[in-house]
């Protein structure tokens, strides 16, 4: 496997583990608490991470989406609590996206998507 892909796979795994540890044991009511008026709550941050990872997966050729992508898109405003999916849906989507994020799962290869730039010095 290409060294770049090994590093990317490692970064995805590290990120997955960090999110799982950071959100473990937090009760559902706390996911909608904002630490400050100008902050996003955990539900929005976690949903944004899920949707962002899904976007990367789509770039790599996987079919991945959720019915609530627009709630967590870049620049989306925090909505009323009842508009958000349940915590379990966010966790399930994160787990699904994390499983798909292995390079082998999406069939990505550097030669199929990118060519290394060549440089010439004049």
PDB file of N, CA and C in Angstrom:
ATOM      1  N   UNK A   1       0.850  -1.182   0.000  1.00  0.00           N
ATOM      2  CA  UNK A   1       0.000   0.000   0.000  1.00  0.00           C
ATOM      3  C   UNK A   1       0.890   1.237   0.000  1.00  0.00           C
ATOM      4  N   UNK A   2       0.508   2.218  -0.748  1.00  0.00           N
ATOM      5  CA  UNK A   2       1.215   3.488  -0.838  1.00  0.00           C
ATOM      6  C   UNK A   2       1.362   4.097   0.569  1.00  0.00           C
ATOM      7  N   UNK A   3       2.551   4.651   0.873  1.00  0.00           N
ATOM      8  CA  UNK A   3       2.788   5.245   2.193  1.00  0.00           C
ATOM      9  C   UNK A   3       1.782   6.334   2.538  1.00  0.00           C
ATOM     10  N   UNK A   4       1.395   7.156   1.546  1.00  0.00           N
ATOM     11  CA  UNK A   4       0.402   8.204   1.803  1.00  0.00           C
ATOM     12  C   UNK A   4      -0.906   7.595   2.292  1.00  0.00           C
ATOM     13  N   UNK A   5      -1.306   6.484   1.687  1.00  0.00           N
ATOM     14  CA  UNK A   5      -2.554   5.834   2.078  1.00  0.00           C
ATOM     15  C   UNK A   5      -2.467   5.243   3.474  1.00  0.00           C
ATOM     16  N   UNK A   6      -1.313   4.738   3.817  1.00  0.00           N
ATOM     17  CA  UNK A   6      -1.120   4.202   5.172  1.00  0.00           C
ATOM     18  C   UNK A   6      -1.302   5.317   6.194  1.00  0.00           C
ATOM     19  N   UNK A   7      -0.759   6.500   5.908  1.00  0.00           N
ATOM     20  CA  UNK A   7      -0.903   7.631   6.832  1.00  0.00           C
ATOM     21  C   UNK A   7      -2.353   8.106   6.914  1.00  0.00           C
ATOM     22  N   UNK A   8      -3.021   8.168   5.779  1.00  0.00           N
ATOM     23  CA  UNK A   8      -4.426   8.591   5.766  1.00  0.00           C
ATOM     24  C   UNK A   8      -5.279   7.606   6.550  1.00  0.00           C
ATOM     25  N   UNK A   9      -5.041   6.321   6.339  1.00  0.00           N
ATOM     26  CA  UNK A   9      -5.796   5.296   7.072  1.00  0.00           C
ATOM     27  C   UNK A   9      -5.558   5.440   8.582  1.00  0.00           C
ATOM     28  N   UNK A  10      -4.313   5.705   8.977  1.00  0.00           N
ATOM     29  CA  UNK A  10      -3.993   5.911  10.388  1.00  0.00           C
ATOM     30  C   UNK A  10      -4.676   7.141  10.966  1.00  0.00           C
ATOM     31  N   UNK A  11      -4.736   8.215  10.179  1.00  0.00           N
ATOM     32  CA  UNK A  11      -5.404   9.436  10.643  1.00  0.00           C
ATOM     33  C   UNK A  11      -6.900   9.209  10.831  1.00  0.00           C
ATOM     34  N   UNK A  12      -7.521   8.475   9.901  1.00  0.00           N
ATOM     35  CA  UNK A  12      -8.942   8.166  10.045  1.00  0.00           C
ATOM     36  C   UNK A  12      -9.191   7.340  11.303  1.00  0.00           C
ATOM     37  N   UNK A  13      -8.337   6.348  11.552  1.00  0.00           N
ATOM     38  CA  UNK A  13      -8.514   5.506  12.733  1.00  0.00           C
ATOM     39  C   UNK A  13      -8.346   6.314  14.013  1.00  0.00           C
ATOM     40  N   UNK A  14      -7.324   7.157  14.058  1.00  0.00           N
ATOM     41  CA  UNK A  14      -7.093   7.993  15.235  1.00  0.00           C
ATOM     42  C   UNK A  14      -8.280   8.914  15.473  1.00  0.00           C
ATOM     43  N   UNK A  15      -8.767   9.542  14.412  1.00  0.00           N
ATOM     44  CA  UNK A  15      -9.914  10.435  14.518  1.00  0.00           C
ATOM     45  C   UNK A  15     -11.149   9.681  15.004  1.00  0.00           C
ATOM     46  N   UNK A  16     -11.369   8.499  14.447  1.00  0.00           N
ATOM     47  CA  UNK A  16     -12.505   7.666  14.862  1.00  0.00           C
ATOM     48  C   UNK A  16     -12.422   7.346  16.350  1.00  0.00           C
ATOM     49  N   UNK A  17     -11.256   6.913  16.797  1.00  0.00           N
ATOM     50  CA  UNK A  17     -11.078   6.566  18.205  1.00  0.00           C
ATOM     51  C   UNK A  17     -11.279   7.775  19.119  1.00  0.00           C
ATOM     52  N   UNK A  18     -10.762   8.936  18.711  1.00  0.00           N
ATOM     53  CA  UNK A  18     -10.919  10.147  19.526  1.00  0.00           C
ATOM     54  C   UNK A  18     -12.384  10.549  19.674  1.00  0.00           C
ATOM     55  N   UNK A  19     -13.118  10.523  18.579  1.00  0.00           N
ATOM     56  CA  UNK A  19     -14.538  10.883  18.634  1.00  0.00           C
ATOM     57  C   UNK A  19     -15.299   9.887  19.501  1.00  0.00           C
ATOM     58  N   UNK A  20     -15.020   8.603  19.327  1.00  0.00           N
ATOM     59  CA  UNK A  20     -15.710   7.590  20.129  1.00  0.00           C
ATOM     60  C   UNK A  20     -15.437   7.769  21.616  1.00  0.00           C
ATOM     61  N   UNK A  21     -14.183   8.023  21.980  1.00  0.00           N
ATOM     62  CA  UNK A  21     -13.837   8.221  23.398  1.00  0.00           C
ATOM     63  C   UNK A  21     -14.428   9.515  23.936  1.00  0.00           C
ATOM     64  N   UNK A  22     -14.396  10.577  23.145  1.00  0.00           N
ATOM     65  CA  UNK A  22     -14.879  11.880  23.607  1.00  0.00           C
ATOM     66  C   UNK A  22     -16.391  11.898  23.833  1.00  0.00           C
ATOM     67  N   UNK A  23     -17.121  11.067  23.101  1.00  0.00           N
ATOM     68  CA  UNK A  23     -18.582  11.086  23.223  1.00  0.00           C
ATOM     69  C   UNK A  23     -19.139   9.929  24.048  1.00  0.00           C
ATOM     70  N   UNK A  24     -18.283   9.010  24.463  1.00  0.00           N
ATOM     71  CA  UNK A  24     -18.738   7.852  25.244  1.00  0.00           C
ATOM     72  C   UNK A  24     -19.320   8.303  26.577  1.00  0.00           C
ATOM     73  N   UNK A  25     -20.468   7.749  26.915  1.00  0.00           N
ATOM     74  CA  UNK A  25     -21.058   7.990  28.220  1.00  0.00           C
ATOM     75  C   UNK A  25     -21.760   9.328  28.393  1.00  0.00           C
ATOM     76  N   UNK A  26     -21.851  10.120  27.352  1.00  0.00           N
ATOM     77  CA  UNK A  26     -22.561  11.407  27.471  1.00  0.00           C
ATOM     78  C   UNK A  26     -24.042  11.148  27.232  1.00  0.00           C
ATOM     79  N   UNK A  27     -24.881  11.516  28.192  1.00  0.00           N
ATOM     80  CA  UNK A  27     -26.313  11.254  28.058  1.00  0.00           C
ATOM     81  C   UNK A  27     -26.919  12.146  26.972  1.00  0.00           C
ATOM     82  N   UNK A  28     -27.992  11.674  26.380  1.00  0.00           N
ATOM     83  CA  UNK A  28     -28.611  12.330  25.224  1.00  0.00           C
ATOM     84  C   UNK A  28     -28.969  13.792  25.486  1.00  0.00           C
ATOM     85  N   UNK A  29     -29.436  14.110  26.683  1.00  0.00           N
ATOM     86  CA  UNK A  29     -29.827  15.498  26.987  1.00  0.00           C
ATOM     87  C   UNK A  29     -28.636  16.451  26.901  1.00  0.00           C
ATOM     88  N   UNK A  30     -27.472  15.964  27.239  1.00  0.00           N
ATOM     89  CA  UNK A  30     -26.282  16.815  27.230  1.00  0.00           C
ATOM     90  C   UNK A  30     -25.758  17.097  25.827  1.00  0.00           C
ATOM     91  N   UNK A  31     -26.158  16.294  24.854  1.00  0.00           N
ATOM     92  CA  UNK A  31     -25.722  16.506  23.475  1.00  0.00           C
ATOM     93  C   UNK A  31     -26.294  17.813  22.908  1.00  0.00           C
ATOM     94  N   UNK A  32     -27.339  18.314  23.504  1.00  0.00           N
ATOM     95  CA  UNK A  32     -27.987  19.530  22.990  1.00  0.00           C
ATOM     96  C   UNK A  32     -27.701  20.763  23.841  1.00  0.00           C
ATOM     97  N   UNK A  33     -26.807  20.650  24.812  1.00  0.00           N
ATOM     98  CA  UNK A  33     -26.422  21.800  25.629  1.00  0.00           C
ATOM     99  C   UNK A  33     -25.279  22.546  24.954  1.00  0.00           C
ATOM    100  N   UNK A  34     -25.413  23.864  24.894  1.00  0.00           N
ATOM    101  CA  UNK A  34     -24.355  24.684  24.299  1.00  0.00           C
ATOM    102  C   UNK A  34     -23.467  25.216  25.420  1.00  0.00           C
ATOM    103  N   UNK A  35     -22.158  25.086  25.293  1.00  0.00           N
ATOM    104  CA  UNK A  35     -21.260  25.588  26.338  1.00  0.00           C
ATOM    105  C   UNK A  35     -21.278  27.115  26.457  1.00  0.00           C
ATOM    106  N   UNK A  36     -21.662  27.795  25.392  1.00  0.00           N
ATOM    107  CA  UNK A  36     -21.787  29.258  25.394  1.00  0.00           C
ATOM    108  C   UNK A  36     -22.799  29.636  24.320  1.00  0.00           C
ATOM    109  N   UNK A  37     -23.343  30.829  24.425  1.00  0.00           N
ATOM    110  CA  UNK A  37     -24.356  31.257  23.454  1.00  0.00           C
ATOM    111  C   UNK A  37     -23.862  31.227  22.015  1.00  0.00           C
ATOM    112  N   UNK A  38     -22.599  31.505  21.831  1.00  0.00           N
ATOM    113  CA  UNK A  38     -22.055  31.551  20.465  1.00  0.00           C
ATOM    114  C   UNK A  38     -21.461  30.217  20.015  1.00  0.00           C
ATOM    115  N   UNK A  39     -21.658  29.154  20.793  1.00  0.00           N
ATOM    116  CA  UNK A  39     -21.086  27.833  20.488  1.00  0.00           C
ATOM    117  C   UNK A  39     -22.128  26.907  19.878  1.00  0.00           C
ATOM    118  N   UNK A  40     -21.644  25.888  19.217  1.00  0.00           N
ATOM    119  CA  UNK A  40     -22.513  24.801  18.766  1.00  0.00           C
ATOM    120  C   UNK A  40     -22.533  23.729  19.838  1.00  0.00           C
ATOM    121  N   UNK A  41     -23.650  23.023  19.937  1.00  0.00           N
ATOM    122  CA  UNK A  41     -23.725  21.922  20.895  1.00  0.00           C
ATOM    123  C   UNK A  41     -23.078  20.669  20.311  1.00  0.00           C
ATOM    124  N   UNK A  42     -22.882  19.669  21.166  1.00  0.00           N
ATOM    125  CA  UNK A  42     -22.229  18.431  20.760  1.00  0.00           C
ATOM    126  C   UNK A  42     -22.958  17.756  19.605  1.00  0.00           C
ATOM    127  N   UNK A  43     -24.277  17.811  19.598  1.00  0.00           N
ATOM    128  CA  UNK A  43     -25.038  17.195  18.514  1.00  0.00           C
ATOM    129  C   UNK A  43     -24.618  17.787  17.169  1.00  0.00           C
ATOM    130  N   UNK A  44     -24.489  19.114  17.119  1.00  0.00           N
ATOM    131  CA  UNK A  44     -24.112  19.755  15.863  1.00  0.00           C
ATOM    132  C   UNK A  44     -22.679  19.396  15.485  1.00  0.00           C
ATOM    133  N   UNK A  45     -21.781  19.424  16.445  1.00  0.00           N
ATOM    134  CA  UNK A  45     -20.372  19.119  16.166  1.00  0.00           C
ATOM    135  C   UNK A  45     -20.237  17.673  15.683  1.00  0.00           C
ATOM    136  N   UNK A  46     -20.863  16.739  16.380  1.00  0.00           N
ATOM    137  CA  UNK A  46     -20.782  15.330  15.990  1.00  0.00           C
ATOM    138  C   UNK A  46     -21.441  15.104  14.633  1.00  0.00           C
ATOM    139  N   UNK A  47     -22.595  15.711  14.415  1.00  0.00           N
ATOM    140  CA  UNK A  47     -23.265  15.583  13.126  1.00  0.00           C
ATOM    141  C   UNK A  47     -22.416  16.158  11.999  1.00  0.00           C
ATOM    142  N   UNK A  48     -21.760  17.264  12.264  1.00  0.00           N
ATOM    143  CA  UNK A  48     -20.885  17.877  11.266  1.00  0.00           C
ATOM    144  C   UNK A  48     -19.704  16.961  10.938  1.00  0.00           C
ATOM    145  N   UNK A  49     -19.148  16.318  11.952  1.00  0.00           N
ATOM    146  CA  UNK A  49     -18.070  15.356  11.717  1.00  0.00           C
ATOM    147  C   UNK A  49     -18.548  14.196  10.851  1.00  0.00           C
ATOM    148  N   UNK A  50     -19.738  13.687  11.140  1.00  0.00           N
ATOM    149  CA  UNK A  50     -20.300  12.581  10.363  1.00  0.00           C
ATOM    150  C   UNK A  50     -20.492  12.999   8.905  1.00  0.00           C
ATOM    151  N   UNK A  51     -21.127  14.149   8.709  1.00  0.00           N
ATOM    152  CA  UNK A  51     -21.407  14.623   7.351  1.00  0.00           C
ATOM    153  C   UNK A  51     -20.111  14.930   6.599  1.00  0.00           C
ATOM    154  N   UNK A  52     -19.124  15.481   7.301  1.00  0.00           N
ATOM    155  CA  UNK A  52     -17.835  15.771   6.661  1.00  0.00           C
ATOM    156  C   UNK A  52     -17.125  14.490   6.243  1.00  0.00           C
ATOM    157  N   UNK A  53     -17.154  13.493   7.111  1.00  0.00           N
ATOM    158  CA  UNK A  53     -16.534  12.212   6.756  1.00  0.00           C
ATOM    159  C   UNK A  53     -17.281  11.578   5.589  1.00  0.00           C
ATOM    160  N   UNK A  54     -18.593  11.709   5.581  1.00  0.00           N
ATOM    161  CA  UNK A  54     -19.375  11.207   4.453  1.00  0.00           C
ATOM    162  C   UNK A  54     -18.989  11.890   3.147  1.00  0.00           C
ATOM    163  N   UNK A  55     -18.714  13.181   3.211  1.00  0.00           N
ATOM    164  CA  UNK A  55     -18.270  13.907   2.020  1.00  0.00           C
ATOM    165  C   UNK A  55     -16.947  13.386   1.500  1.00  0.00           C
ATOM    166  N   UNK A  56     -16.044  13.072   2.397  1.00  0.00           N
ATOM    167  CA  UNK A  56     -14.755  12.496   1.995  1.00  0.00           C
ATOM    168  C   UNK A  56     -14.980  11.132   1.353  1.00  0.00           C
ATOM    169  N   UNK A  57     -15.859  10.338   1.950  1.00  0.00           N
ATOM    170  CA  UNK A  57     -16.147   9.019   1.389  1.00  0.00           C
ATOM    171  C   UNK A  57     -16.724   9.126  -0.021  1.00  0.00           C
ATOM    172  N   UNK A  58     -17.608  10.104  -0.235  1.00  0.00           N
ATOM    173  CA  UNK A  58     -18.167  10.293  -1.579  1.00  0.00           C
ATOM    174  C   UNK A  58     -17.070  10.687  -2.569  1.00  0.00           C
ATOM    175  N   UNK A  59     -16.138  11.527  -2.120  1.00  0.00           N
ATOM    176  CA  UNK A  59     -15.018  11.890  -2.990  1.00  0.00           C
ATOM    177  C   UNK A  59     -14.184  10.678  -3.373  1.00  0.00           C
ATOM    178  N   UNK A  60     -14.126   9.721  -2.475  1.00  0.00           N
ATOM    179  CA  UNK A  60     -13.352   8.504  -2.718  1.00  0.00           C
ATOM    180  C   UNK A  60     -14.149   7.439  -3.474  1.00  0.00           C
ATOM    181  N   UNK A  61     -15.396   7.751  -3.813  1.00  0.00           N
ATOM    182  CA  UNK A  61     -16.184   6.838  -4.631  1.00  0.00           C
ATOM    183  C   UNK A  61     -17.237   6.023  -3.912  1.00  0.00           C
ATOM    184  N   UNK A  62     -17.388   6.212  -2.612  1.00  0.00           N
ATOM    185  CA  UNK A  62     -18.394   5.452  -1.867  1.00  0.00           C
ATOM    186  C   UNK A  62     -19.759   6.128  -1.997  1.00  0.00           C
ATOM    187  N   UNK A  63     -20.796   5.338  -1.878  1.00  0.00           N
ATOM    188  CA  UNK A  63     -22.147   5.889  -1.811  1.00  0.00           C
ATOM    189  C   UNK A  63     -22.493   6.016  -0.343  1.00  0.00           C
ATOM    190  N   UNK A  64     -22.668   7.262   0.103  1.00  0.00           N
ATOM    191  CA  UNK A  64     -22.933   7.487   1.514  1.00  0.00           C
ATOM    192  C   UNK A  64     -23.700   8.791   1.674  1.00  0.00           C
ATOM    193  N   UNK A  65     -24.766   8.748   2.422  1.00  0.00           N
ATOM    194  CA  UNK A  65     -25.544   9.956   2.706  1.00  0.00           C
ATOM    195  C   UNK A  65     -26.420   9.709   3.930  1.00  0.00           C
ATOM    196  N   UNK A  66     -26.947  10.794   4.479  1.00  0.00           N
ATOM    197  CA  UNK A  66     -27.927  10.700   5.564  1.00  0.00           C
ATOM    198  C   UNK A  66     -29.093  11.609   5.201  1.00  0.00           C
ATOM    199  N   UNK A  67     -30.247  11.386   5.788  1.00  0.00           N
ATOM    200  CA  UNK A  67     -31.389  12.264   5.501  1.00  0.00           C
ATOM    201  C   UNK A  67     -31.250  13.642   6.152  1.00  0.00           C
ATOM    202  N   UNK A  68     -30.254  13.815   7.006  1.00  0.00           N
ATOM    203  CA  UNK A  68     -30.104  15.075   7.734  1.00  0.00           C
ATOM    204  C   UNK A  68     -28.803  15.797   7.422  1.00  0.00           C
ATOM    205  N   UNK A  69     -28.191  15.518   6.286  1.00  0.00           N
ATOM    206  CA  UNK A  69     -26.931  16.172   5.908  1.00  0.00           C
ATOM    207  C   UNK A  69     -26.996  17.689   6.018  1.00  0.00           C
ATOM    208  N   UNK A  70     -28.086  18.295   5.544  1.00  0.00           N
ATOM    209  CA  UNK A  70     -28.172  19.764   5.500  1.00  0.00           C
ATOM    210  C   UNK A  70     -28.171  20.404   6.887  1.00  0.00           C
ATOM    211  N   UNK A  71     -28.598  19.684   7.910  1.00  0.00           N
ATOM    212  CA  UNK A  71     -28.588  20.236   9.277  1.00  0.00           C
ATOM    213  C   UNK A  71     -27.178  20.511   9.775  1.00  0.00           C
ATOM    214  N   UNK A  72     -26.202  19.785   9.226  1.00  0.00           N
ATOM    215  CA  UNK A  72     -24.833  19.852   9.725  1.00  0.00           C
ATOM    216  C   UNK A  72     -23.837  20.361   8.690  1.00  0.00           C
ATOM    217  N   UNK A  73     -24.345  20.908   7.614  1.00  0.00           N
ATOM    218  CA  UNK A  73     -23.465  21.428   6.564  1.00  0.00           C
ATOM    219  C   UNK A  73     -22.703  22.648   7.081  1.00  0.00           C
ATOM    220  N   UNK A  74     -21.578  22.901   6.461  1.00  0.00           N
ATOM    221  CA  UNK A  74     -20.790  24.073   6.840  1.00  0.00           C
ATOM    222  C   UNK A  74     -21.667  25.320   6.753  1.00  0.00           C
ATOM    223  N   UNK A  75     -21.656  26.108   7.811  1.00  0.00           N
ATOM    224  CA  UNK A  75     -22.434  27.342   7.847  1.00  0.00           C
ATOM    225  C   UNK A  75     -23.866  27.173   8.313  1.00  0.00           C
ATOM    226  N   UNK A  76     -24.316  25.914   8.512  1.00  0.00           N
ATOM    227  CA  UNK A  76     -25.688  25.684   8.963  1.00  0.00           C
ATOM    228  C   UNK A  76     -25.865  26.227  10.377  1.00  0.00           C
ATOM    229  N   UNK A  77     -26.979  26.864  10.606  1.00  0.00           N
ATOM    230  CA  UNK A  77     -27.295  27.419  11.924  1.00  0.00           C
ATOM    231  C   UNK A  77     -27.855  26.329  12.826  1.00  0.00           C
ATOM    232  N   UNK A  78     -27.656  26.507  14.120  1.00  0.00           N
ATOM    233  CA  UNK A  78     -28.200  25.575  15.102  1.00  0.00           C
ATOM    234  C   UNK A  78     -29.727  25.674  15.060  1.00  0.00           C
ATOM    235  N   UNK A  79     -30.376  24.510  14.985  1.00  0.00           N
ATOM    236  CA  UNK A  79     -31.830  24.424  14.881  1.00  0.00           C
ATOM    237  C   UNK A  79     -32.455  24.084  16.234  1.00  0.00           C
ATOM    238  N   UNK A  80     -33.770  24.032  16.242  1.00  0.00           N
ATOM    239  CA  UNK A  80     -34.491  23.607  17.437  1.00  0.00           C
ATOM    240  C   UNK A  80     -34.178  22.125  17.685  1.00  0.00           C
ATOM    241  N   UNK A  81     -34.098  21.706  18.949  1.00  0.00           N
ATOM    242  CA  UNK A  81     -33.703  20.327  19.280  1.00  0.00           C
ATOM    243  C   UNK A  81     -34.498  19.236  18.560  1.00  0.00           C
ATOM    244  N   UNK A  82     -35.791  19.441  18.360  1.00  0.00           N
ATOM    245  CA  UNK A  82     -36.618  18.397  17.738  1.00  0.00           C
ATOM    246  C   UNK A  82     -36.277  18.145  16.261  1.00  0.00           C
ATOM    247  N   UNK A  83     -35.546  19.024  15.631  1.00  0.00           N
ATOM    248  CA  UNK A  83     -35.159  18.856  14.223  1.00  0.00           C
ATOM    249  C   UNK A  83     -33.991  17.881  14.060  1.00  0.00           C
ATOM    250  N   UNK A  84     -33.261  17.625  15.139  1.00  0.00           N
ATOM    251  CA  UNK A  84     -32.054  16.794  15.051  1.00  0.00           C
ATOM    252  C   UNK A  84     -32.372  15.312  15.185  1.00  0.00           C
ATOM    253  N   UNK A  85     -31.526  14.479  14.587  1.00  0.00           N
ATOM    254  CA  UNK A  85     -31.704  13.027  14.764  1.00  0.00           C
ATOM    255  C   UNK A  85     -31.387  12.627  16.204  1.00  0.00           C
ATOM    256  N   UNK A  86     -31.734  11.429  16.542  1.00  0.00           N
ATOM    257  CA  UNK A  86     -31.409  10.906  17.870  1.00  0.00           C
ATOM    258  C   UNK A  86     -29.901  10.638  17.955  1.00  0.00           C
ATOM    259  N   UNK A  87     -29.384  10.652  19.171  1.00  0.00           N
ATOM    260  CA  UNK A  87     -27.960  10.398  19.394  1.00  0.00           C
ATOM    261  C   UNK A  87     -27.549   9.063  18.780  1.00  0.00           C
ATOM    262  N   UNK A  88     -28.410   8.055  18.911  1.00  0.00           N
ATOM    263  CA  UNK A  88     -28.092   6.734  18.365  1.00  0.00           C
ATOM    264  C   UNK A  88     -27.913   6.797  16.841  1.00  0.00           C
ATOM    265  N   UNK A  89     -28.702   7.638  16.170  1.00  0.00           N
ATOM    266  CA  UNK A  89     -28.557   7.777  14.716  1.00  0.00           C
ATOM    267  C   UNK A  89     -27.201   8.386  14.358  1.00  0.00           C
ATOM    268  N   UNK A  90     -26.781   9.381  15.139  1.00  0.00           N
ATOM    269  CA  UNK A  90     -25.473  10.000  14.900  1.00  0.00           C
ATOM    270  C   UNK A  90     -24.375   8.975  15.127  1.00  0.00           C
ATOM    271  N   UNK A  91     -24.464   8.240  16.245  1.00  0.00           N
ATOM    272  CA  UNK A  91     -23.454   7.214  16.536  1.00  0.00           C
ATOM    273  C   UNK A  91     -23.424   6.133  15.450  1.00  0.00           C
ATOM    274  N   UNK A  92     -24.605   5.677  15.020  1.00  0.00           N
ATOM    275  CA  UNK A  92     -24.669   4.647  13.978  1.00  0.00           C
ATOM    276  C   UNK A  92     -24.078   5.154  12.665  1.00  0.00           C
ATOM    277  N   UNK A  93     -24.386   6.402  12.313  1.00  0.00           N
ATOM    278  CA  UNK A  93     -23.847   6.978  11.078  1.00  0.00           C
ATOM    279  C   UNK A  93     -22.333   7.131  11.179  1.00  0.00           C
ATOM    280  N   UNK A  94     -21.842   7.538  12.358  1.00  0.00           N
ATOM    281  CA  UNK A  94     -20.398   7.662  12.555  1.00  0.00           C
ATOM    282  C   UNK A  94     -19.727   6.299  12.407  1.00  0.00           C
ATOM    283  N   UNK A  95     -20.326   5.271  13.023  1.00  0.00           N
ATOM    284  CA  UNK A  95     -19.774   3.916  12.917  1.00  0.00           C
ATOM    285  C   UNK A  95     -19.770   3.433  11.470  1.00  0.00           C
ATOM    286  N   UNK A  96     -20.862   3.693  10.759  1.00  0.00           N
ATOM    287  CA  UNK A  96     -20.963   3.288   9.362  1.00  0.00           C
ATOM    288  C   UNK A  96     -19.918   4.003   8.508  1.00  0.00           C
ATOM    289  N   UNK A  97     -19.799   5.303   8.671  1.00  0.00           N
ATOM    290  CA  UNK A  97     -18.816   6.076   7.907  1.00  0.00           C
ATOM    291  C   UNK A  97     -17.399   5.648   8.267  1.00  0.00           C
ATOM    292  N   UNK A  98     -17.179   5.321   9.533  1.00  0.00           N
ATOM    293  CA  UNK A  98     -15.848   4.901   9.971  1.00  0.00           C
ATOM    294  C   UNK A  98     -15.463   3.564   9.364  1.00  0.00           C
ATOM    295  N   UNK A  99     -16.416   2.646   9.275  1.00  0.00           N
ATOM    296  CA  UNK A  99     -16.136   1.343   8.663  1.00  0.00           C
ATOM    297  C   UNK A  99     -15.840   1.501   7.176  1.00  0.00           C
ATOM    298  N   UNK A 100     -16.558   2.399   6.525  1.00  0.00           N
ATOM    299  CA  UNK A 100     -16.336   2.630   5.095  1.00  0.00           C
ATOM    300  C   UNK A 100     -15.049   3.391   4.819  1.00  0.00           C
ATOM    301  N   UNK A 101     -14.517   4.050   5.841  1.00  0.00           N
ATOM    302  CA  UNK A 101     -13.368   4.926   5.600  1.00  0.00           C
ATOM    303  C   UNK A 101     -12.059   4.190   5.373  1.00  0.00           C
ATOM    304  N   UNK A 102     -12.072   2.880   5.477  1.00  0.00           N
ATOM    305  CA  UNK A 102     -10.853   2.165   5.115  1.00  0.00           C
ATOM    306  C   UNK A 102     -10.705   2.238   3.612  1.00  0.00           C
ATOM    307  N   UNK A 103      -9.518   2.495   3.158  1.00  0.00           N
ATOM    308  CA  UNK A 103      -9.259   2.670   1.734  1.00  0.00           C
ATOM    309  C   UNK A 103      -9.726   1.456   0.947  1.00  0.00           C
ATOM    310  N   UNK A 104      -9.556   0.273   1.505  1.00  0.00           N
ATOM    311  CA  UNK A 104      -9.955  -0.957   0.829  1.00  0.00           C
ATOM    312  C   UNK A 104     -11.467  -0.977   0.597  1.00  0.00           C
ATOM    313  N   UNK A 105     -12.251  -0.470   1.556  1.00  0.00           N
ATOM    314  CA  UNK A 105     -13.705  -0.514   1.449  1.00  0.00           C
ATOM    315  C   UNK A 105     -14.239   0.285   0.277  1.00  0.00           C
ATOM    316  N   UNK A 106     -13.636   1.416   0.004  1.00  0.00           N
ATOM    317  CA  UNK A 106     -14.160   2.260  -1.065  1.00  0.00           C
ATOM    318  C   UNK A 106     -13.439   2.036  -2.385  1.00  0.00           C
ATOM    319  N   UNK A 107     -12.435   1.176  -2.396  1.00  0.00           N
ATOM    320  CA  UNK A 107     -11.741   0.847  -3.630  1.00  0.00           C
ATOM    321  C   UNK A 107     -10.927   1.994  -4.203  1.00  0.00           C
ATOM    322  N   UNK A 108     -10.440   2.860  -3.354  1.00  0.00           N
ATOM    323  CA  UNK A 108      -9.680   4.024  -3.798  1.00  0.00           C
ATOM    324  C   UNK A 108      -8.235   3.651  -4.042  1.00  0.00           C
ATOM    325  N   UNK A 109      -7.683   4.208  -5.061  1.00  0.00           N
ATOM    326  CA  UNK A 109      -6.248   4.065  -5.283  1.00  0.00           C
ATOM    327  C   UNK A 109      -5.728   5.392  -5.792  1.00  0.00           C
ATOM    328  N   UNK A 110      -4.492   5.724  -5.481  1.00  0.00           N
ATOM    329  CA  UNK A 110      -3.979   7.022  -5.910  1.00  0.00           C
ATOM    330  C   UNK A 110      -3.982   7.178  -7.423  1.00  0.00           C
ATOM    331  N   UNK A 111      -3.706   6.112  -8.147  1.00  0.00           N
ATOM    332  CA  UNK A 111      -3.642   6.229  -9.603  1.00  0.00           C
ATOM    333  C   UNK A 111      -5.012   6.481 -10.217  1.00  0.00           C
ATOM    334  N   UNK A 112      -6.078   6.092  -9.514  1.00  0.00           N
ATOM    335  CA  UNK A 112      -7.415   6.296 -10.066  1.00  0.00           C
ATOM    336  C   UNK A 112      -7.954   7.698  -9.805  1.00  0.00           C
ATOM    337  N   UNK A 113      -7.315   8.450  -8.916  1.00  0.00           N
ATOM    338  CA  UNK A 113      -7.834   9.770  -8.567  1.00  0.00           C
ATOM    339  C   UNK A 113      -6.844  10.918  -8.756  1.00  0.00           C
ATOM    340  N   UNK A 114      -5.583  10.643  -8.557  1.00  0.00           N
ATOM    341  CA  UNK A 114      -4.605  11.725  -8.589  1.00  0.00           C
ATOM    342  C   UNK A 114      -3.350  11.287  -9.330  1.00  0.00           C
ATOM    343  N   UNK A 115      -2.666  12.252  -9.828  1.00  0.00           N
ATOM    344  CA  UNK A 115      -1.326  12.003 -10.304  1.00  0.00           C
ATOM    345  C   UNK A 115      -0.408  12.914  -9.522  1.00  0.00           C
ATOM    346  N   UNK A 116       0.739  12.420  -9.198  1.00  0.00           N
ATOM    347  CA  UNK A 116       1.673  13.246  -8.446  1.00  0.00           C
ATOM    348  C   UNK A 116       2.189  14.376  -9.338  1.00  0.00           C
ATOM    349  N   UNK A 117       2.196  15.576  -8.805  1.00  0.00           N
ATOM    350  CA  UNK A 117       2.665  16.697  -9.623  1.00  0.00           C
ATOM    351  C   UNK A 117       4.169  16.573  -9.887  1.00  0.00           C
ATOM    352  N   UNK A 118       4.554  17.043 -11.033  1.00  0.00           N
ATOM    353  CA  UNK A 118       5.980  17.086 -11.345  1.00  0.00           C
ATOM    354  C   UNK A 118       6.416  18.537 -11.288  1.00  0.00           C
ATOM    355  N   UNK A 119       7.611  18.752 -10.842  1.00  0.00           N
ATOM    356  CA  UNK A 119       8.138  20.105 -10.724  1.00  0.00           C
ATOM    357  C   UNK A 119       9.380  20.234 -11.595  1.00  0.00           C
ATOM    358  N   UNK A 120       9.476  21.360 -12.180  1.00  0.00           N
ATOM    359  CA  UNK A 120      10.713  21.642 -12.893  1.00  0.00           C
ATOM    360  C   UNK A 120      11.215  22.996 -12.432  1.00  0.00           C
ATOM    361  N   UNK A 121      12.474  23.079 -12.246  1.00  0.00           N
ATOM    362  CA  UNK A 121      13.086  24.327 -11.798  1.00  0.00           C
ATOM    363  C   UNK A 121      13.797  24.937 -12.991  1.00  0.00           C
ATOM    364  N   UNK A 122      13.487  26.180 -13.247  1.00  0.00           N
ATOM    365  CA  UNK A 122      14.131  26.857 -14.390  1.00  0.00           C
ATOM    366  C   UNK A 122      15.172  27.817 -13.924  1.00  0.00           C
TER     367      UNK A 122
END
